[in-house]
Amino acid sequence: SPVSFSNPILWHRGQNLVGSGEPRRTSQGVYQSFFHWFSDHSNPGRDDIAQ
């Protein structure tokens, strides 16, 4: 079973790029930022790079 972990990013006040916003939709599908992807460990098997 795949495992995913990373060190938490300690953001400066007002500089958090993850935020609580929803991933954006583009013409090519749903886009999430690198920082959101980096800190999301909910389903590591879904990550193509991890396989």
Protein backbone atom coordinates (compact mmCIF):
# COMPACT_ATOMS: atom_id res chain seq x y z
CA SER A 1 0.00 0.00 0.00
CA PRO A 2 1.48 3.40 -0.97
CA VAL A 3 2.41 5.82 1.79
CA SER A 4 2.77 9.58 1.47
CA PHE A 5 4.27 12.10 3.88
CA SER A 6 5.97 15.49 3.83
CA ASN A 7 7.13 18.09 6.28
CA PRO A 8 4.51 20.77 6.89
CA ILE A 9 5.15 24.12 5.25
CA LEU A 10 5.41 26.91 7.83
CA TRP A 11 3.88 29.81 5.93
CA HIS A 12 4.50 33.44 6.82
CA ARG A 13 1.33 35.22 7.91
CA GLY A 14 -0.82 36.06 4.89
CA GLN A 15 1.38 34.05 2.49
CA ASN A 16 -0.33 30.63 2.62
CA LEU A 17 -0.68 29.52 -1.01
CA VAL A 18 -2.75 26.44 -0.16
CA GLY A 19 -5.65 28.28 1.44
CA SER A 20 -9.05 26.70 1.76
CA GLY A 21 -10.10 27.31 -1.83
CA GLU A 22 -11.37 24.65 -4.19
CA PRO A 23 -9.13 23.33 -6.99
CA ARG A 24 -9.60 25.32 -10.21
CA ARG A 25 -11.23 23.85 -13.30
CA THR A 26 -9.60 24.31 -16.69
CA SER A 27 -10.47 23.06 -20.16
CA GLN A 28 -8.15 20.10 -19.48
CA GLY A 29 -9.81 19.12 -16.20
CA VAL A 30 -9.33 19.97 -12.55
CA TYR A 31 -6.12 21.75 -11.58
CA GLN A 32 -4.73 21.92 -8.07
CA SER A 33 -1.64 23.89 -7.13
CA PHE A 34 1.68 22.23 -6.37
CA PHE A 35 1.40 23.25 -2.73
CA HIS A 36 -2.06 21.69 -2.40
CA TRP A 37 -0.81 18.47 -4.05
CA PHE A 38 2.32 18.44 -1.86
CA SER A 39 0.39 18.63 1.40
CA ASP A 40 -2.48 16.27 0.43
CA HIS A 41 -1.84 12.77 1.78
CA SER A 42 -5.43 11.52 1.63
CA ASN A 43 -4.92 9.05 -1.25
CA PRO A 44 -1.27 8.41 -2.23
CA GLY A 45 -2.22 5.60 -4.63
CA ARG A 46 -3.92 8.20 -6.83
CA ASP A 47 -0.56 9.90 -7.45
CA ASP A 48 0.87 8.66 -10.77
CA ILE A 49 4.40 9.65 -9.74
CA ALA A 50 4.25 7.47 -6.61
CA GLN A 51 3.47 4.37 -8.64
